[in-house]
């Protein structure tokens, strides 16, 4: 048992060093980027409205245990990432109904991104997740180098598709607009 732990620790440290060196050699920053899309068979309004129900994210995001919406712009997250329980706060930096939700972390592992919604037809929508994050330790760096975050993002979008298509309608909606300069304002 002890030899297994030593082996795992050595692999994690070695992988972290390797991942860092590979990024350095490529001239990249320590940020990682994920881009994934899924087409869902619901109208754009239904897909967007469901995605504004942040507290329901644990229903389709495997590693997320809880999302608490503190106000129109701020969220508190609890998740397990690479076997480690973590919490962080995030703020919505931009939100345009039926088009876009953008966020950035304000504590914890630096991350941010956008989810965009593109109507493909009256009953079909493309949902695209663009996300960046900074792995903060050896385990996260190894997971990043192995594509774990990309695989999880892809799986989460697939589960979102299954959930929203099986329901056929959203469970709620927030139709407000948030802009980087003006804060938030309600629309409808």
C-alpha atoms as a PDB file:
ATOM      1  CA  UNK A   1       0.000   0.000   0.000  1.00  0.00           C
ATOM      2  CA  UNK A   2       2.791   2.420   0.930  1.00  0.00           C
ATOM      3  CA  UNK A   3       4.673   1.663  -2.277  1.00  0.00           C
ATOM      4  CA  UNK A   4       1.504   2.462  -4.282  1.00  0.00           C
ATOM      5  CA  UNK A   5       1.181   5.832  -2.582  1.00  0.00           C
ATOM      6  CA  UNK A   6       4.833   6.619  -3.243  1.00  0.00           C
ATOM      7  CA  UNK A   7       4.425   5.610  -6.895  1.00  0.00           C
ATOM      8  CA  UNK A   8       1.294   7.759  -7.319  1.00  0.00           C
ATOM      9  CA  UNK A   9       2.986  10.724  -5.646  1.00  0.00           C
ATOM     10  CA  UNK A  10       6.058  10.340  -7.848  1.00  0.00           C
ATOM     11  CA  UNK A  11       3.909  10.156 -10.979  1.00  0.00           C
ATOM     12  CA  UNK A  12       1.944  13.246  -9.931  1.00  0.00           C
ATOM     13  CA  UNK A  13       5.082  15.282  -9.272  1.00  0.00           C
ATOM     14  CA  UNK A  14       6.773  14.019 -12.435  1.00  0.00           C
ATOM     15  CA  UNK A  15       3.673  14.723 -14.500  1.00  0.00           C
ATOM     16  CA  UNK A  16       3.387  18.223 -13.068  1.00  0.00           C
ATOM     17  CA  UNK A  17       6.994  18.990 -13.872  1.00  0.00           C
ATOM     18  CA  UNK A  18       6.551  17.545 -17.370  1.00  0.00           C
ATOM     19  CA  UNK A  19       3.328  19.484 -18.011  1.00  0.00           C
ATOM     20  CA  UNK A  20       4.925  22.722 -16.826  1.00  0.00           C
ATOM     21  CA  UNK A  21       8.007  22.136 -18.979  1.00  0.00           C
ATOM     22  CA  UNK A  22       5.905  21.336 -22.049  1.00  0.00           C
ATOM     23  CA  UNK A  23       3.964  24.563 -21.645  1.00  0.00           C
ATOM     24  CA  UNK A  24       7.162  26.527 -21.081  1.00  0.00           C
ATOM     25  CA  UNK A  25       8.693  25.014 -24.222  1.00  0.00           C
ATOM     26  CA  UNK A  26       5.621  25.933 -26.247  1.00  0.00           C
ATOM     27  CA  UNK A  27       5.717  29.484 -24.896  1.00  0.00           C
ATOM     28  CA  UNK A  28       2.299  29.102 -23.288  1.00  0.00           C
ATOM     29  CA  UNK A  29       1.168  30.619 -20.036  1.00  0.00           C
ATOM     30  CA  UNK A  30       0.062  28.320 -17.237  1.00  0.00           C
ATOM     31  CA  UNK A  31      -3.564  28.843 -18.311  1.00  0.00           C
ATOM     32  CA  UNK A  32      -5.409  25.983 -19.945  1.00  0.00           C
ATOM     33  CA  UNK A  33      -8.298  26.341 -22.337  1.00  0.00           C
ATOM     34  CA  UNK A  34     -11.295  24.136 -23.094  1.00  0.00           C
ATOM     35  CA  UNK A  35     -13.802  24.602 -25.900  1.00  0.00           C
ATOM     36  CA  UNK A  36     -16.708  22.168 -26.314  1.00  0.00           C
ATOM     37  CA  UNK A  37     -20.125  22.353 -28.000  1.00  0.00           C
ATOM     38  CA  UNK A  38     -23.322  20.349 -28.028  1.00  0.00           C
ATOM     39  CA  UNK A  39     -26.449  20.711 -30.163  1.00  0.00           C
ATOM     40  CA  UNK A  40     -29.666  20.381 -28.170  1.00  0.00           C
ATOM     41  CA  UNK A  41     -33.120  19.758 -29.591  1.00  0.00           C
ATOM     42  CA  UNK A  42     -34.878  22.629 -27.846  1.00  0.00           C
ATOM     43  CA  UNK A  43     -35.386  26.297 -28.790  1.00  0.00           C
ATOM     44  CA  UNK A  44     -32.598  28.719 -27.850  1.00  0.00           C
ATOM     45  CA  UNK A  45     -34.759  30.357 -25.168  1.00  0.00           C
ATOM     46  CA  UNK A  46     -35.317  27.019 -23.397  1.00  0.00           C
ATOM     47  CA  UNK A  47     -31.599  26.126 -23.455  1.00  0.00           C
ATOM     48  CA  UNK A  48     -30.538  29.578 -22.258  1.00  0.00           C
ATOM     49  CA  UNK A  49     -33.207  29.813 -19.550  1.00  0.00           C
ATOM     50  CA  UNK A  50     -32.215  26.416 -18.129  1.00  0.00           C
ATOM     51  CA  UNK A  51     -28.559  27.450 -18.057  1.00  0.00           C
ATOM     52  CA  UNK A  52     -29.490  30.466 -15.897  1.00  0.00           C
ATOM     53  CA  UNK A  53     -30.660  28.022 -13.205  1.00  0.00           C
ATOM     54  CA  UNK A  54     -27.180  27.770 -11.690  1.00  0.00           C
ATOM     55  CA  UNK A  55     -28.320  25.956  -8.558  1.00  0.00           C
ATOM     56  CA  UNK A  56     -29.374  23.024 -10.767  1.00  0.00           C
ATOM     57  CA  UNK A  57     -25.866  22.539 -12.222  1.00  0.00           C
ATOM     58  CA  UNK A  58     -25.182  19.524  -9.939  1.00  0.00           C
ATOM     59  CA  UNK A  59     -27.906  17.664 -11.898  1.00  0.00           C
ATOM     60  CA  UNK A  60     -25.655  17.516 -14.967  1.00  0.00           C
ATOM     61  CA  UNK A  61     -22.156  18.431 -13.743  1.00  0.00           C
ATOM     62  CA  UNK A  62     -20.542  15.382 -12.156  1.00  0.00           C
ATOM     63  CA  UNK A  63     -17.943  17.087  -9.983  1.00  0.00           C
ATOM     64  CA  UNK A  64     -20.207  19.937  -8.785  1.00  0.00           C
ATOM     65  CA  UNK A  65     -21.985  19.308  -5.475  1.00  0.00           C
ATOM     66  CA  UNK A  66     -23.562  22.713  -4.917  1.00  0.00           C
ATOM     67  CA  UNK A  67     -23.933  26.113  -6.533  1.00  0.00           C
ATOM     68  CA  UNK A  68     -25.473  28.838  -4.415  1.00  0.00           C
ATOM     69  CA  UNK A  69     -26.603  31.980  -6.167  1.00  0.00           C
ATOM     70  CA  UNK A  70     -25.780  34.823  -3.781  1.00  0.00           C
ATOM     71  CA  UNK A  71     -27.309  37.568  -5.935  1.00  0.00           C
ATOM     72  CA  UNK A  72     -27.814  38.349  -9.651  1.00  0.00           C
ATOM     73  CA  UNK A  73     -24.055  38.356 -10.280  1.00  0.00           C
ATOM     74  CA  UNK A  74     -22.356  36.227  -7.613  1.00  0.00           C
ATOM     75  CA  UNK A  75     -22.194  32.449  -7.142  1.00  0.00           C
ATOM     76  CA  UNK A  76     -20.562  30.168  -4.569  1.00  0.00           C
ATOM     77  CA  UNK A  77     -19.433  26.753  -5.858  1.00  0.00           C
ATOM     78  CA  UNK A  78     -18.573  23.473  -4.082  1.00  0.00           C
ATOM     79  CA  UNK A  79     -17.044  20.655  -6.100  1.00  0.00           C
ATOM     80  CA  UNK A  80     -14.610  17.784  -6.103  1.00  0.00           C
ATOM     81  CA  UNK A  81     -11.798  18.278  -8.588  1.00  0.00           C
ATOM     82  CA  UNK A  82      -9.298  15.458  -9.090  1.00  0.00           C
ATOM     83  CA  UNK A  83     -10.469  13.907  -5.812  1.00  0.00           C
ATOM     84  CA  UNK A  84     -10.025  17.133  -3.846  1.00  0.00           C
ATOM     85  CA  UNK A  85     -12.948  19.062  -2.288  1.00  0.00           C
ATOM     86  CA  UNK A  86     -12.766  22.716  -3.304  1.00  0.00           C
ATOM     87  CA  UNK A  87     -14.892  25.857  -3.031  1.00  0.00           C
ATOM     88  CA  UNK A  88     -14.716  29.125  -4.909  1.00  0.00           C
ATOM     89  CA  UNK A  89     -16.686  32.236  -5.701  1.00  0.00           C
ATOM     90  CA  UNK A  90     -17.444  33.493  -9.165  1.00  0.00           C
ATOM     91  CA  UNK A  91     -19.097  36.517 -10.655  1.00  0.00           C
ATOM     92  CA  UNK A  92     -21.089  36.787 -13.841  1.00  0.00           C
ATOM     93  CA  UNK A  93     -19.364  39.445 -15.907  1.00  0.00           C
ATOM     94  CA  UNK A  94     -21.776  39.495 -18.832  1.00  0.00           C
ATOM     95  CA  UNK A  95     -25.169  38.011 -19.530  1.00  0.00           C
ATOM     96  CA  UNK A  96     -27.332  38.559 -22.608  1.00  0.00           C
ATOM     97  CA  UNK A  97     -30.593  36.602 -22.829  1.00  0.00           C
ATOM     98  CA  UNK A  98     -30.529  33.818 -25.429  1.00  0.00           C
ATOM     99  CA  UNK A  99     -26.930  34.661 -26.369  1.00  0.00           C
ATOM    100  CA  UNK A 100     -24.254  34.559 -23.687  1.00  0.00           C
ATOM    101  CA  UNK A 101     -23.283  33.989 -20.052  1.00  0.00           C
ATOM    102  CA  UNK A 102     -19.698  34.937 -19.072  1.00  0.00           C
ATOM    103  CA  UNK A 103     -18.013  34.528 -15.691  1.00  0.00           C
ATOM    104  CA  UNK A 104     -14.739  34.731 -13.816  1.00  0.00           C
ATOM    105  CA  UNK A 105     -13.677  33.377 -10.452  1.00  0.00           C
ATOM    106  CA  UNK A 106     -13.086  35.818  -7.607  1.00  0.00           C
ATOM    107  CA  UNK A 107     -11.525  33.238  -5.258  1.00  0.00           C
ATOM    108  CA  UNK A 108     -10.032  29.769  -5.502  1.00  0.00           C
ATOM    109  CA  UNK A 109      -8.518  28.341  -8.676  1.00  0.00           C
ATOM    110  CA  UNK A 110      -8.438  31.111 -11.285  1.00  0.00           C
ATOM    111  CA  UNK A 111     -10.994  30.332 -14.000  1.00  0.00           C
ATOM    112  CA  UNK A 112     -13.501  31.978 -16.272  1.00  0.00           C
ATOM    113  CA  UNK A 113     -15.205  31.678 -19.592  1.00  0.00           C
ATOM    114  CA  UNK A 114     -18.376  31.934 -21.595  1.00  0.00           C
ATOM    115  CA  UNK A 115     -21.322  29.802 -22.570  1.00  0.00           C
ATOM    116  CA  UNK A 116     -22.893  30.897 -25.853  1.00  0.00           C
ATOM    117  CA  UNK A 117     -26.223  29.922 -27.343  1.00  0.00           C
ATOM    118  CA  UNK A 118     -26.794  29.892 -31.107  1.00  0.00           C
ATOM    119  CA  UNK A 119     -30.172  29.136 -32.631  1.00  0.00           C
ATOM    120  CA  UNK A 120     -29.765  26.556 -35.402  1.00  0.00           C
ATOM    121  CA  UNK A 121     -33.523  26.345 -36.073  1.00  0.00           C
ATOM    122  CA  UNK A 122     -36.754  27.004 -34.204  1.00  0.00           C
ATOM    123  CA  UNK A 123     -36.197  23.842 -32.155  1.00  0.00           C
ATOM    124  CA  UNK A 124     -32.421  23.319 -32.169  1.00  0.00           C
ATOM    125  CA  UNK A 125     -29.639  25.213 -30.377  1.00  0.00           C
ATOM    126  CA  UNK A 126     -25.854  24.971 -30.234  1.00  0.00           C
ATOM    127  CA  UNK A 127     -24.467  25.464 -26.716  1.00  0.00           C
ATOM    128  CA  UNK A 128     -20.730  26.244 -26.675  1.00  0.00           C
ATOM    129  CA  UNK A 129     -18.566  26.318 -23.554  1.00  0.00           C
ATOM    130  CA  UNK A 130     -15.266  28.243 -23.711  1.00  0.00           C
ATOM    131  CA  UNK A 131     -13.357  28.039 -20.441  1.00  0.00           C
ATOM    132  CA  UNK A 132      -9.903  28.876 -19.140  1.00  0.00           C
ATOM    133  CA  UNK A 133      -8.387  27.838 -15.838  1.00  0.00           C
ATOM    134  CA  UNK A 134      -5.021  27.767 -14.108  1.00  0.00           C
ATOM    135  CA  UNK A 135      -4.052  24.412 -12.599  1.00  0.00           C
ATOM    136  CA  UNK A 136      -2.698  25.192  -9.129  1.00  0.00           C
ATOM    137  CA  UNK A 137      -0.949  21.994  -8.036  1.00  0.00           C
ATOM    138  CA  UNK A 138       0.682  18.848  -9.376  1.00  0.00           C
ATOM    139  CA  UNK A 139      -2.511  16.786  -9.434  1.00  0.00           C
ATOM    140  CA  UNK A 140      -4.396  19.478 -11.373  1.00  0.00           C
ATOM    141  CA  UNK A 141      -1.494  19.865 -13.809  1.00  0.00           C
ATOM    142  CA  UNK A 142      -1.382  16.124 -14.500  1.00  0.00           C
ATOM    143  CA  UNK A 143      -5.168  16.017 -14.936  1.00  0.00           C
ATOM    144  CA  UNK A 144      -4.929  18.979 -17.288  1.00  0.00           C
ATOM    145  CA  UNK A 145      -2.132  17.365 -19.303  1.00  0.00           C
ATOM    146  CA  UNK A 146      -4.257  14.209 -19.654  1.00  0.00           C
ATOM    147  CA  UNK A 147      -7.302  16.200 -20.863  1.00  0.00           C
ATOM    148  CA  UNK A 148      -9.470  15.478 -17.818  1.00  0.00           C
ATOM    149  CA  UNK A 149     -11.139  18.903 -17.789  1.00  0.00           C
ATOM    150  CA  UNK A 150     -11.977  18.686 -21.500  1.00  0.00           C
ATOM    151  CA  UNK A 151     -13.481  15.209 -21.028  1.00  0.00           C
ATOM    152  CA  UNK A 152     -15.525  16.395 -18.066  1.00  0.00           C
ATOM    153  CA  UNK A 153     -16.758  19.470 -19.952  1.00  0.00           C
ATOM    154  CA  UNK A 154     -17.811  17.268 -22.877  1.00  0.00           C
ATOM    155  CA  UNK A 155     -19.604  14.864 -20.512  1.00  0.00           C
ATOM    156  CA  UNK A 156     -21.351  17.694 -18.669  1.00  0.00           C
ATOM    157  CA  UNK A 157     -22.657  19.185 -21.918  1.00  0.00           C
ATOM    158  CA  UNK A 158     -23.906  15.760 -22.999  1.00  0.00           C
ATOM    159  CA  UNK A 159     -25.760  15.389 -19.673  1.00  0.00           C
ATOM    160  CA  UNK A 160     -27.199  18.901 -20.078  1.00  0.00           C
ATOM    161  CA  UNK A 161     -28.479  17.852 -23.510  1.00  0.00           C
ATOM    162  CA  UNK A 162     -30.078  14.688 -22.092  1.00  0.00           C
ATOM    163  CA  UNK A 163     -31.646  16.593 -19.196  1.00  0.00           C
ATOM    164  CA  UNK A 164     -33.134  19.464 -21.203  1.00  0.00           C
ATOM    165  CA  UNK A 165     -34.330  17.275 -24.071  1.00  0.00           C
ATOM    166  CA  UNK A 166     -36.048  14.825 -21.708  1.00  0.00           C
ATOM    167  CA  UNK A 167     -37.855  17.720 -19.996  1.00  0.00           C
ATOM    168  CA  UNK A 168     -38.534  19.712 -23.135  1.00  0.00           C
ATOM    169  CA  UNK A 169     -38.782  22.876 -21.073  1.00  0.00           C
ATOM    170  CA  UNK A 170     -36.759  24.903 -18.621  1.00  0.00           C
ATOM    171  CA  UNK A 171     -37.296  24.723 -14.852  1.00  0.00           C
ATOM    172  CA  UNK A 172     -36.980  28.491 -14.478  1.00  0.00           C
ATOM    173  CA  UNK A 173     -35.444  31.542 -16.064  1.00  0.00           C
ATOM    174  CA  UNK A 174     -33.623  34.745 -15.347  1.00  0.00           C
ATOM    175  CA  UNK A 175     -33.970  37.124 -18.270  1.00  0.00           C
ATOM    176  CA  UNK A 176     -31.835  39.949 -16.879  1.00  0.00           C
ATOM    177  CA  UNK A 177     -28.890  41.510 -18.638  1.00  0.00           C
ATOM    178  CA  UNK A 178     -25.470  41.992 -17.065  1.00  0.00           C
ATOM    179  CA  UNK A 179     -22.832  44.113 -18.724  1.00  0.00           C
ATOM    180  CA  UNK A 180     -19.254  44.632 -17.596  1.00  0.00           C
ATOM    181  CA  UNK A 181     -19.750  48.359 -17.180  1.00  0.00           C
ATOM    182  CA  UNK A 182     -23.323  48.817 -16.070  1.00  0.00           C
ATOM    183  CA  UNK A 183     -23.902  45.974 -13.611  1.00  0.00           C
ATOM    184  CA  UNK A 184     -27.286  44.344 -14.012  1.00  0.00           C
ATOM    185  CA  UNK A 185     -30.687  45.409 -15.165  1.00  0.00           C
ATOM    186  CA  UNK A 186     -33.852  43.376 -15.373  1.00  0.00           C
ATOM    187  CA  UNK A 187     -35.520  42.641 -18.684  1.00  0.00           C
ATOM    188  CA  UNK A 188     -38.850  40.909 -18.531  1.00  0.00           C
END
